[in-house]
Amino acid sequence: MTEVVETPEGWLVRGEELRITELRFDWAVTLVISGTTGTYEVRLEREVRLGARHGEVRTIDPEGEPASLAPLLGLLRAEVEEIRVFSDGRLRLAFPGGTVLEVRPDNDFEAWTLTGTSGLLFVAVPGGGVAVWS
């Protein structure tokens, strides 16, 4: 069952058998995450950090050259262990084996959005913080 739990740092989204089932590329990157209890869409509009928790980290700009987005292709069909939304505007997706995708807030723009099947909507607001609708 998918659940959203409020934590002292923000929110934790968990579900059964969550997996990235689709990637969309335009001037941003959209990850479609599907599970047995629903679907989420994560739209990444600002710099993304992708790497191991304690290893090499790549910085990827969704508005950069299309070939520079190639490392994100490795996430297609990947299991998602958890989705964490931090009150300060960060978003973190954790994958088995320690791979992490993180987006930090932007001073001038909405860095990312997260929508859910149930009408849930998280938006990283400019300057830090998160707006939440449910």
Protein backbone atom coordinates (compact mmCIF):
# COMPACT_ATOMS: atom_id res chain seq x y z
CA MET A 1 0.00 0.00 0.00
CA THR A 2 1.28 3.49 -0.84
CA GLU A 3 1.51 5.77 2.13
CA VAL A 4 2.67 9.31 2.80
CA VAL A 5 4.06 9.76 6.29
CA GLU A 6 4.88 13.16 7.72
CA THR A 7 8.28 13.13 9.44
CA PRO A 8 10.21 15.81 11.36
CA GLU A 9 12.22 16.50 8.16
CA GLY A 10 9.26 16.51 5.74
CA TRP A 11 7.42 13.59 4.14
CA LEU A 12 8.20 9.99 3.25
CA VAL A 13 6.35 8.31 0.36
CA ARG A 14 6.41 4.53 0.35
CA GLY A 15 4.57 1.98 -1.71
CA GLU A 16 4.58 -1.61 -2.78
CA GLU A 17 6.61 -2.55 -5.83
CA LEU A 18 7.35 1.03 -6.87
CA ARG A 19 9.30 1.09 -10.12
CA ILE A 20 10.22 3.73 -12.71
CA THR A 21 8.13 2.69 -15.69
CA GLU A 22 8.60 5.69 -17.94
CA LEU A 23 11.07 8.53 -18.54
CA ARG A 24 10.11 11.66 -20.50
CA PHE A 25 12.59 14.21 -21.77
CA ASP A 26 11.79 17.74 -22.92
CA TRP A 27 13.20 20.86 -21.21
CA ALA A 28 12.81 18.89 -18.00
CA VAL A 29 12.84 15.20 -17.07
CA THR A 30 9.74 13.37 -15.88
CA LEU A 31 9.96 10.07 -14.03
CA VAL A 32 6.77 7.99 -13.93
CA ILE A 33 6.84 5.73 -10.88
CA SER A 34 4.22 2.99 -10.78
CA GLY A 35 3.35 0.46 -8.13
CA THR A 36 0.56 -1.88 -7.18
CA THR A 37 -1.25 0.91 -5.32
CA GLY A 38 -0.80 3.90 -7.62
CA THR A 39 1.35 6.05 -9.84
CA TYR A 40 3.51 9.09 -9.16
CA GLU A 41 5.04 11.57 -11.57
CA VAL A 42 8.21 13.42 -10.61
CA ARG A 43 9.11 16.35 -12.86
CA LEU A 44 12.70 17.53 -12.50
CA GLU A 45 13.28 21.04 -13.82
CA ARG A 46 16.58 21.95 -12.20
CA GLU A 47 19.97 20.38 -11.57
CA VAL A 48 19.84 16.73 -10.52
CA ARG A 49 22.50 14.86 -8.54
CA LEU A 50 22.67 11.15 -9.27
CA GLY A 51 25.05 8.70 -7.64
CA ALA A 52 25.88 6.38 -4.81
CA ARG A 53 25.35 7.53 -1.23
CA HIS A 54 29.10 7.49 -0.57
CA GLY A 55 30.59 7.43 -4.05
CA GLU A 56 30.74 9.23 -7.36
CA VAL A 57 27.96 11.76 -7.93
CA ARG A 58 27.00 13.11 -11.34
CA THR A 59 25.34 16.47 -11.76
CA ILE A 60 22.81 16.54 -14.59
CA ASP A 61 21.06 19.61 -15.97
CA PRO A 62 17.65 18.72 -17.49
CA GLU A 63 17.99 21.73 -19.80
CA GLY A 64 21.46 20.65 -20.94
CA GLU A 65 22.47 18.83 -24.09
CA PRO A 66 20.29 15.75 -24.64
CA ALA A 67 23.31 13.40 -24.60
CA SER A 68 24.20 14.64 -21.10
CA LEU A 69 20.92 13.17 -19.82
CA ALA A 70 21.99 9.61 -20.70
CA PRO A 71 22.89 8.59 -17.10
CA LEU A 72 19.21 8.93 -16.21
CA LEU A 73 18.33 6.16 -18.68
CA GLY A 74 19.78 3.66 -16.21
CA LEU A 75 16.84 4.41 -13.91
CA LEU A 76 14.26 3.02 -16.33
CA ARG A 77 12.58 -0.03 -14.74
CA ALA A 78 14.54 0.54 -11.50
CA GLU A 79 12.85 -0.28 -8.21
CA VAL A 80 12.29 2.77 -5.99
CA GLU A 81 12.80 2.09 -2.29
CA GLU A 82 11.51 5.44 -1.10
CA ILE A 83 10.67 8.96 -2.09
CA ARG A 84 11.59 11.62 0.47
CA VAL A 85 10.37 15.22 0.34
CA PHE A 86 12.23 17.52 2.72
CA SER A 87 10.64 20.64 4.19
CA ASP A 88 13.60 22.71 2.95
CA GLY A 89 12.70 21.91 -0.68
CA ARG A 90 14.94 18.92 -1.40
CA LEU A 91 13.64 15.77 -3.07
CA ARG A 92 15.43 12.43 -2.77
CA LEU A 93 14.67 9.10 -4.44
CA ALA A 94 16.49 6.06 -3.07
CA PHE A 95 17.13 2.89 -5.05
CA PRO A 96 18.44 -0.55 -4.07
CA GLY A 97 22.21 -0.77 -3.90
CA GLY A 98 22.59 2.75 -2.53
CA THR A 99 21.92 4.82 -5.67
CA VAL A 100 20.32 8.17 -4.85
CA LEU A 101 18.77 10.89 -7.01
CA GLU A 102 18.51 14.28 -5.34
CA VAL A 103 17.19 17.66 -6.44
CA ARG A 104 17.77 20.76 -4.36
CA PRO A 105 15.56 23.85 -4.38
CA ASP A 106 16.27 26.70 -6.75
CA ASN A 107 16.31 30.36 -5.71
CA ASP A 108 14.22 31.53 -8.66
CA PHE A 109 12.19 28.59 -9.99
CA GLU A 110 10.24 25.51 -8.96
CA ALA A 111 12.97 22.85 -9.06
CA TRP A 112 10.64 19.84 -9.05
CA THR A 113 7.05 18.66 -8.63
CA LEU A 114 5.66 15.35 -7.38
CA THR A 115 2.10 14.32 -8.17
CA GLY A 116 0.27 11.20 -7.06
CA THR A 117 -2.73 9.17 -8.15
CA SER A 118 -4.80 10.34 -5.19
CA GLY A 119 -4.44 14.03 -6.11
CA LEU A 120 -1.40 14.54 -3.93
CA LEU A 121 0.86 17.38 -5.12
CA PHE A 122 4.21 18.54 -3.74
CA VAL A 123 5.95 21.55 -5.33
CA ALA A 124 9.43 22.84 -4.47
CA VAL A 125 8.88 26.56 -4.14
CA PRO A 126 11.50 29.10 -5.24
CA GLY A 127 13.95 29.96 -2.48
CA GLY A 128 13.35 26.71 -0.56
CA GLY A 129 10.38 25.03 1.04
CA VAL A 130 7.55 22.90 -0.26
CA ALA A 131 3.90 23.60 -1.04
CA VAL A 132 1.61 20.61 -0.46
CA TRP A 133 -1.87 19.88 -1.73
CA SER A 134 -3.85 16.70 -1.14
